[in-house]
Amino acid sequence: MTRKLEKLAFGAALLPFVMTLLNLGRLRRLPDRSGHGPVSVLIPARDEEETIQGVIDTVLASQGVELELVVLDDHSSDRTLDILRACTDPRLRILQAPDLPEGWCGKTHACALLGDAARNELMLFVDADVRLRPDALARLSALMSERPEIAFLSGVPRQVTQTFLEWLLLPFIHVLLLGYLPMVFDTGQKPEFAAACGQLVLVRRSAYRVSGGHAAIRNRLHDGLALARQFRSAGFRTMLFDATDIAACRMYHRAADVWNGLLKNATEGMATPRGLPVWTGLLGAAQILPFVLPATRVSRLAAGLSLLTRGLISYRFRQGWGTVVLAPLGTAMLLLLQWQALIGGYLGHAPRWRGRSYPQRSV
């Protein structure tokens, strides 16, 4: 029995190692070139008094590109709207959201309104906790000028993690993307291979309207991924890139926010009745099992592959070595969160986020 478990652990650790080696070369950064096409930067904001000033400042500090900045305040209960109104830069327009319609999620509704308000062909949706480098918009504009066949471009910003639960769980954004998504088979058109990060999404307005935009995914929480699949289903090409050198994002500042934020989105990802047992087997066998088996040559090799995979990802995306050393604990915590989401959904528990309730549902 132990020998079978050793072989299982080795095979499970080998898969993400090989996939990571293949995918690291495909998830590239933007060329260091500048374009000048005008860009509409669109930011949905709900209770973002801690973050909104930072994103406004970095967007307005962009160099080498014409831009408009449109921010939609979505019924904030804090000082978000006051901070917005204090900005006198004429490139900023402030919108206020009407009541949330039935059947919509808050962010998708806000983004749909922003998409309707944008004036430029290139529309960049960014979260309020994203910080852009001064050359980010110019480089994004350049790539879209050089690649007219790309209608949807999404980047994964550098994830800033400072507290224990942040750097224990958030690196799985890259682990799942690089270790388990077969990018080598991706042609940019098949919806099942689509990948995206909702923190930073650039689209062509013409394609956005043809595809149905956010209105077509109105009830989805993983808005970036759902929008990428919607674009591909409409016949457009999408592309994912490594935005580490042009953008940074700190998603959460408190442990409770980390847990509740991930819990809110869980059942649109791993925590489905069919998917979660598979993910539990894949991740548990690769990143937990090698460290609890007796120390044999095979189990040590499996553990080494697991740590090497995490080390490669950590080095490339500046995650810190603590995430590597504590990878088994992080995996266990992630799976616990996913099972809580799945079981909680069956029991009728709805996570709350920014004052709204999000009933769990499988998709």
Protein backbone atom coordinates (compact mmCIF):
# COMPACT_ATOMS: atom_id res chain seq x y z
CA MET A 1 0.00 0.00 0.00
CA THR A 2 2.79 2.42 0.89
CA ARG A 3 4.52 1.75 -2.42
CA LYS A 4 1.31 2.54 -4.32
CA LEU A 5 0.97 5.80 -2.41
CA GLU A 6 4.58 6.67 -3.22
CA LYS A 7 3.94 6.14 -6.93
CA LEU A 8 0.76 8.19 -6.68
CA ALA A 9 2.62 11.05 -4.99
CA PHE A 10 5.41 10.95 -7.56
CA GLY A 11 3.00 11.02 -10.53
CA ALA A 12 0.92 13.78 -8.98
CA ALA A 13 4.04 15.89 -8.31
CA LEU A 14 5.50 15.25 -11.76
CA LEU A 15 2.43 16.57 -13.60
CA PRO A 16 2.52 20.19 -12.33
CA PHE A 17 6.32 20.22 -12.58
CA VAL A 18 6.22 19.40 -16.29
CA MET A 19 3.27 21.71 -16.92
CA THR A 20 5.02 24.56 -15.12
CA LEU A 21 8.16 24.15 -17.22
CA LEU A 22 6.06 24.27 -20.39
CA ASN A 23 3.84 27.13 -19.28
CA LEU A 24 6.53 29.45 -17.91
CA GLY A 25 7.76 29.98 -21.45
CA ARG A 26 4.29 30.73 -22.76
CA LEU A 27 3.15 33.18 -20.08
CA ARG A 28 5.27 36.07 -21.33
CA ARG A 29 5.61 39.70 -20.39
CA LEU A 30 4.75 42.56 -22.71
CA PRO A 31 7.37 43.81 -25.16
CA ASP A 32 9.04 47.02 -24.02
CA ARG A 33 7.47 49.16 -26.73
CA SER A 34 5.11 52.12 -26.55
CA GLY A 35 1.86 52.75 -28.38
CA HIS A 36 -0.21 55.89 -28.50
CA GLY A 37 -3.76 54.65 -29.03
CA PRO A 38 -6.19 56.27 -26.57
CA VAL A 39 -7.30 54.06 -23.68
CA SER A 40 -10.36 54.23 -21.43
CA VAL A 41 -9.42 53.04 -17.93
CA LEU A 42 -12.52 51.75 -16.14
CA ILE A 43 -12.64 51.11 -12.39
CA PRO A 44 -15.58 49.73 -10.40
CA ALA A 45 -15.44 50.92 -6.78
CA ARG A 46 -17.46 49.85 -3.74
CA ASP A 47 -16.17 50.79 -0.29
CA GLU A 48 -12.64 51.39 -1.56
CA GLU A 49 -11.56 54.34 0.59
CA GLU A 50 -8.30 52.54 1.45
CA THR A 51 -7.34 51.89 -2.16
CA ILE A 52 -9.06 54.31 -4.55
CA GLN A 53 -6.59 57.19 -4.22
CA GLY A 54 -3.68 54.93 -5.08
CA VAL A 55 -5.19 53.56 -8.27
CA ILE A 56 -6.28 57.04 -9.43
CA ASP A 57 -2.81 58.44 -8.86
CA THR A 58 -1.04 55.66 -10.76
CA VAL A 59 -3.44 55.77 -13.72
CA LEU A 60 -3.21 59.54 -14.06
CA ALA A 61 0.59 59.28 -13.87
CA SER A 62 0.63 57.17 -17.04
CA GLN A 63 3.07 58.32 -19.69
CA GLY A 64 3.01 58.35 -23.47
CA VAL A 65 -0.67 57.63 -24.02
CA GLU A 66 -3.95 59.52 -24.23
CA LEU A 67 -6.42 58.33 -21.62
CA GLU A 68 -9.73 58.87 -19.93
CA LEU A 69 -10.38 57.51 -16.45
CA VAL A 70 -13.92 56.51 -15.55
CA VAL A 71 -14.71 55.37 -12.00
CA LEU A 72 -18.11 54.06 -10.97
CA ASP A 73 -19.04 54.35 -7.31
CA ASP A 74 -21.27 51.40 -6.49
CA HIS A 75 -23.21 52.62 -3.44
CA SER A 76 -20.14 52.95 -1.23
CA SER A 77 -20.84 53.38 2.48
CA ASP A 78 -17.42 54.86 3.23
CA ARG A 79 -15.46 57.88 1.90
CA THR A 80 -14.88 56.47 -1.60
CA LEU A 81 -17.10 59.00 -3.35
CA ASP A 82 -15.68 61.93 -1.37
CA ILE A 83 -12.14 60.96 -2.37
CA LEU A 84 -13.18 60.73 -6.01
CA ARG A 85 -14.85 64.12 -5.95
CA ALA A 86 -11.73 65.71 -4.47
CA CYS A 87 -9.79 64.88 -7.65
CA THR A 88 -9.83 67.80 -10.10
CA ASP A 89 -8.06 66.18 -13.03
CA PRO A 90 -10.28 66.68 -16.12
CA ARG A 91 -9.44 63.18 -17.38
CA LEU A 92 -11.47 61.68 -14.53
CA ARG A 93 -15.21 61.07 -14.87
CA ILE A 94 -17.24 59.83 -11.92
CA LEU A 95 -20.37 57.72 -12.31
CA GLN A 96 -22.79 56.47 -9.67
CA ALA A 97 -24.47 53.11 -10.01
CA PRO A 98 -28.23 52.65 -9.90
CA ASP A 99 -29.68 49.90 -7.71
CA LEU A 100 -28.40 46.43 -8.52
CA PRO A 101 -30.87 44.68 -10.86
CA GLU A 102 -32.14 41.18 -10.14
CA GLY A 103 -29.86 38.46 -11.48
CA TRP A 104 -26.68 40.57 -11.60
CA CYS A 105 -23.52 40.41 -9.50
CA GLY A 106 -22.27 43.74 -8.27
CA LYS A 107 -18.96 43.89 -10.13
CA THR A 108 -20.33 42.68 -13.47
CA HIS A 109 -23.11 45.28 -13.27
CA ALA A 110 -20.62 48.02 -12.50
CA CYS A 111 -18.34 46.93 -15.36
CA ALA A 112 -21.27 46.82 -17.80
CA LEU A 113 -22.13 50.42 -16.93
CA LEU A 114 -18.49 51.44 -17.31
CA GLY A 115 -18.27 49.70 -20.70
CA ASP A 116 -21.31 51.66 -21.89
CA ALA A 117 -19.74 54.93 -20.73
CA ALA A 118 -16.28 54.43 -22.30
CA ARG A 119 -15.39 56.62 -25.28
CA ASN A 120 -12.29 54.86 -26.63
CA GLU A 121 -11.89 51.63 -28.59
CA LEU A 122 -9.43 50.21 -26.06
CA MET A 123 -11.07 49.69 -22.67
CA LEU A 124 -9.02 48.62 -19.65
CA PHE A 125 -10.96 47.24 -16.68
CA VAL A 126 -8.86 47.31 -13.51
CA ASP A 127 -9.70 46.70 -9.88
CA ALA A 128 -9.29 49.51 -7.37
CA ASP A 129 -6.44 47.69 -5.62
CA VAL A 130 -4.29 47.49 -8.78
CA ARG A 131 -1.31 49.81 -9.17
CA LEU A 132 -0.07 50.49 -12.71
CA ARG A 133 3.43 51.49 -13.68
CA PRO A 134 3.73 54.72 -15.71
CA ASP A 135 4.52 52.78 -18.91
CA ALA A 136 1.77 50.18 -18.51
CA LEU A 137 -0.90 51.77 -20.71
CA ALA A 138 1.56 52.63 -23.48
CA ARG A 139 2.86 49.06 -23.58
CA LEU A 140 -0.66 47.62 -23.57
CA SER A 141 -1.64 49.97 -26.40
CA ALA A 142 1.45 48.97 -28.38
CA LEU A 143 0.69 45.27 -28.18
CA MET A 144 -2.91 45.77 -29.27
CA SER A 145 -1.71 47.85 -32.24
CA GLU A 146 0.78 45.16 -33.24
CA ARG A 147 -1.68 42.28 -32.71
CA PRO A 148 -5.00 43.38 -34.26
CA GLU A 149 -6.31 39.80 -34.04
CA ILE A 150 -6.33 39.98 -30.21
CA ALA A 151 -9.68 41.25 -28.91
CA PHE A 152 -9.20 40.45 -25.22
CA LEU A 153 -5.93 40.82 -23.32
CA SER A 154 -5.61 39.98 -19.63
CA GLY A 155 -2.61 40.21 -17.34
CA VAL A 156 -1.78 38.69 -13.96
CA PRO A 157 -0.31 41.50 -11.80
CA ARG A 158 2.34 40.89 -9.18
CA GLN A 159 0.42 39.77 -6.10
CA VAL A 160 1.52 41.74 -3.04
CA THR A 161 1.21 39.57 0.07
CA GLN A 162 2.18 40.80 3.52
CA THR A 163 0.16 38.93 6.14
CA PHE A 164 0.44 35.18 6.83
CA LEU A 165 -2.80 34.08 5.19
CA GLU A 166 -2.13 36.26 2.13
CA TRP A 167 1.18 34.67 1.23
CA LEU A 168 -0.06 31.22 2.26
CA LEU A 169 -3.10 31.18 -0.07
CA LEU A 170 -2.82 33.81 -2.81
CA PRO A 171 0.18 32.22 -4.60
CA PHE A 172 -2.24 29.49 -5.71
CA ILE A 173 -3.40 31.93 -8.39
CA HIS A 174 -0.16 31.13 -10.20
CA VAL A 175 0.14 27.53 -9.01
CA LEU A 176 -3.20 26.49 -10.50
CA LEU A 177 -2.64 28.53 -13.66
CA LEU A 178 0.84 27.26 -14.44
CA GLY A 179 0.68 23.79 -12.97
CA TYR A 180 -2.65 22.60 -14.31
CA LEU A 181 -3.71 24.65 -17.36
CA PRO A 182 -2.44 23.12 -20.64
CA MET A 183 -1.39 26.36 -22.31
CA VAL A 184 0.61 24.39 -24.87
CA PHE A 185 -2.67 23.35 -26.51
CA ASP A 186 -4.18 26.83 -26.41
CA THR A 187 -4.71 28.52 -29.78
CA GLY A 188 -6.35 31.59 -28.28
CA GLN A 189 -9.79 30.59 -29.56
CA LYS A 190 -11.09 27.50 -27.70
CA PRO A 191 -13.31 28.57 -24.75
CA GLU A 192 -12.33 25.56 -22.61
CA PHE A 193 -8.68 26.67 -22.56
CA ALA A 194 -9.41 30.33 -21.80
CA ALA A 195 -7.58 31.91 -18.86
CA ALA A 196 -7.81 35.43 -17.51
CA CYS A 197 -7.36 37.55 -14.40
CA GLY A 198 -10.22 39.90 -13.61
CA GLN A 199 -7.84 42.35 -11.94
CA LEU A 200 -6.59 43.62 -15.32
CA VAL A 201 -8.55 43.11 -18.55
CA LEU A 202 -8.12 45.08 -21.78
CA VAL A 203 -10.72 44.68 -24.54
CA ARG A 204 -11.61 46.21 -27.88
CA ARG A 205 -14.94 47.97 -27.50
CA SER A 206 -16.22 46.72 -30.86
CA ALA A 207 -15.60 43.07 -29.91
CA TYR A 208 -16.94 43.69 -26.39
CA ARG A 209 -20.28 44.77 -27.82
CA VAL A 210 -20.52 41.94 -30.32
CA SER A 211 -19.74 39.35 -27.61
CA GLY A 212 -22.36 40.76 -25.26
CA GLY A 213 -19.83 42.12 -22.78
CA HIS A 214 -20.52 41.87 -19.06
CA ALA A 215 -24.27 41.65 -19.69
CA ALA A 216 -23.69 38.15 -21.08
CA ILE A 217 -22.04 37.05 -17.81
CA ARG A 218 -24.18 39.11 -15.45
CA ASN A 219 -24.46 36.44 -12.71
CA ARG A 220 -20.80 35.37 -12.68
CA LEU A 221 -18.31 36.11 -9.91
CA HIS A 222 -15.17 35.04 -11.82
CA ASP A 223 -15.78 37.90 -14.25
CA GLY A 224 -12.38 37.83 -15.96
CA LEU A 225 -12.45 34.14 -16.81
CA ALA A 226 -16.13 34.19 -17.76
CA LEU A 227 -15.59 37.19 -20.05
CA ALA A 228 -12.63 35.53 -21.76
CA ARG A 229 -14.72 32.44 -22.48
CA GLN A 230 -17.56 34.63 -23.71
CA PHE A 231 -15.21 36.39 -26.16
CA ARG A 232 -13.92 33.07 -27.46
CA SER A 233 -17.44 31.69 -27.84
CA ALA A 234 -18.21 34.74 -30.00
CA GLY A 235 -15.24 33.92 -32.25
CA PHE A 236 -12.63 36.33 -30.88
CA ARG A 237 -9.06 35.61 -29.82
CA THR A 238 -7.94 36.20 -26.24
CA MET A 239 -4.49 36.28 -24.69
CA LEU A 240 -3.10 36.03 -21.15
CA PHE A 241 0.24 37.55 -20.20
CA ASP A 242 2.48 38.04 -17.19
CA ALA A 243 1.86 41.58 -15.89
CA THR A 244 4.37 41.33 -13.04
CA ASP A 245 6.49 44.19 -14.42
CA ILE A 246 3.64 46.61 -15.26
CA ALA A 247 1.15 46.17 -12.40
CA ALA A 248 0.87 45.12 -8.77
CA CYS A 249 -2.16 44.23 -6.70
CA ARG A 250 -2.78 43.69 -3.01
CA MET A 251 -6.17 42.01 -2.95
CA TYR A 252 -6.70 41.81 0.80
CA HIS A 253 -5.26 43.40 3.93
CA ARG A 254 -6.81 41.26 6.67
CA ALA A 255 -7.00 37.52 7.24
CA ALA A 256 -10.80 37.54 7.37
CA ASP A 257 -10.92 39.32 4.02
CA VAL A 258 -8.58 36.75 2.45
CA TRP A 259 -10.76 33.87 3.62
CA ASN A 260 -14.12 35.45 2.81
CA GLY A 261 -12.97 36.82 -0.52
CA LEU A 262 -11.78 33.40 -1.71
CA LEU A 263 -14.83 31.71 -0.19
CA LYS A 264 -17.15 33.99 -2.16
CA ASN A 265 -15.78 32.82 -5.50
CA ALA A 266 -15.07 29.19 -4.63
CA THR A 267 -17.98 27.37 -6.25
CA GLU A 268 -17.31 29.02 -9.60
CA GLY A 269 -13.88 27.44 -9.49
CA MET A 270 -12.72 24.35 -7.63
CA ALA A 271 -15.57 23.82 -5.17
CA THR A 272 -18.02 21.92 -7.35
CA PRO A 273 -19.43 18.46 -6.50
CA ARG A 274 -17.54 16.85 -9.37
CA GLY A 275 -14.48 19.05 -9.44
CA LEU A 276 -13.46 19.32 -5.80
CA PRO A 277 -12.80 15.60 -5.20
CA VAL A 278 -10.54 15.65 -8.28
CA TRP A 279 -8.73 18.80 -7.13
CA THR A 280 -8.36 17.34 -3.64
CA GLY A 281 -6.71 14.28 -5.12
CA LEU A 282 -4.44 16.24 -7.48
CA LEU A 283 -3.27 18.86 -5.00
CA GLY A 284 -3.24 16.62 -1.94
CA ALA A 285 -1.24 13.89 -3.67
CA ALA A 286 1.25 16.36 -5.14
CA GLN A 287 1.80 18.80 -2.28
CA ILE A 288 0.78 17.03 0.94
CA LEU A 289 1.21 13.28 0.51
CA PRO A 290 4.97 13.31 -0.26
CA PHE A 291 5.64 15.01 3.09
CA VAL A 292 3.65 12.57 5.24
CA LEU A 293 4.85 9.31 3.69
CA PRO A 294 7.86 7.47 5.12
CA ALA A 295 11.11 8.94 3.81
CA THR A 296 12.03 6.68 0.90
CA ARG A 297 13.79 7.48 -2.34
CA VAL A 298 10.50 7.80 -4.23
CA SER A 299 8.74 9.92 -1.59
CA ARG A 300 11.77 12.21 -1.28
CA LEU A 301 11.85 12.61 -5.06
CA ALA A 302 8.14 13.46 -5.07
CA ALA A 303 8.67 16.02 -2.30
CA GLY A 304 11.59 17.50 -4.20
CA LEU A 305 9.53 17.87 -7.37
CA SER A 306 6.73 19.51 -5.41
CA LEU A 307 9.07 22.03 -3.77
CA LEU A 308 10.92 22.67 -7.03
CA THR A 309 7.67 23.45 -8.81
CA ARG A 310 6.67 25.92 -6.12
CA GLY A 311 10.19 27.34 -6.11
CA LEU A 312 10.12 28.04 -9.86
CA ILE A 313 6.78 29.78 -9.57
CA SER A 314 7.83 31.74 -6.50
CA TYR A 315 11.03 32.95 -8.15
CA ARG A 316 9.33 34.00 -11.39
CA PHE A 317 6.47 35.88 -9.71
CA ARG A 318 8.30 37.24 -6.64
CA GLN A 319 6.21 35.37 -4.08
CA GLY A 320 8.82 34.77 -1.39
CA TRP A 321 10.33 31.52 -0.17
CA GLY A 322 7.96 31.16 2.76
CA THR A 323 5.25 30.09 0.30
CA VAL A 324 7.55 27.27 -0.85
CA VAL A 325 8.53 25.99 2.58
CA LEU A 326 4.94 25.99 3.82
CA ALA A 327 3.40 24.71 0.58
CA PRO A 328 1.86 21.61 2.24
CA LEU A 329 0.15 23.76 4.87
CA GLY A 330 -1.06 26.22 2.22
CA THR A 331 -2.49 23.38 0.16
CA ALA A 332 -4.32 21.96 3.18
CA MET A 333 -5.75 25.40 4.00
CA LEU A 334 -6.88 25.95 0.42
CA LEU A 335 -8.65 22.60 0.27
CA LEU A 336 -10.29 23.26 3.65
CA LEU A 337 -11.64 26.57 2.32
CA GLN A 338 -12.98 24.89 -0.83
CA TRP A 339 -14.73 22.15 1.14
CA GLN A 340 -16.21 24.77 3.47
CA ALA A 341 -17.64 26.55 0.41
CA LEU A 342 -19.10 23.38 -1.07
CA ILE A 343 -20.64 22.08 2.17
CA GLY A 344 -21.78 25.57 3.15
CA GLY A 345 -23.58 25.89 -0.17
CA TYR A 346 -25.54 22.69 0.52
CA LEU A 347 -26.43 24.02 3.97
CA GLY A 348 -27.63 27.33 2.55
CA HIS A 349 -24.84 29.50 3.95
CA ALA A 350 -24.16 32.56 1.78
CA PRO A 351 -20.83 34.40 2.18
CA ARG A 352 -21.07 38.17 2.48
CA TRP A 353 -18.75 40.63 0.78
CA ARG A 354 -18.91 44.42 0.90
CA GLY A 355 -22.39 44.28 2.38
CA ARG A 356 -23.84 41.93 -0.25
CA SER A 357 -24.77 38.29 0.04
CA TYR A 358 -23.40 35.76 -2.47
CA PRO A 359 -25.27 32.43 -2.40
CA GLN A 360 -22.97 29.61 -3.42
CA ARG A 361 -23.82 27.87 -6.68
CA SER A 362 -22.08 25.42 -8.96
CA VAL A 363 -21.57 26.29 -12.62
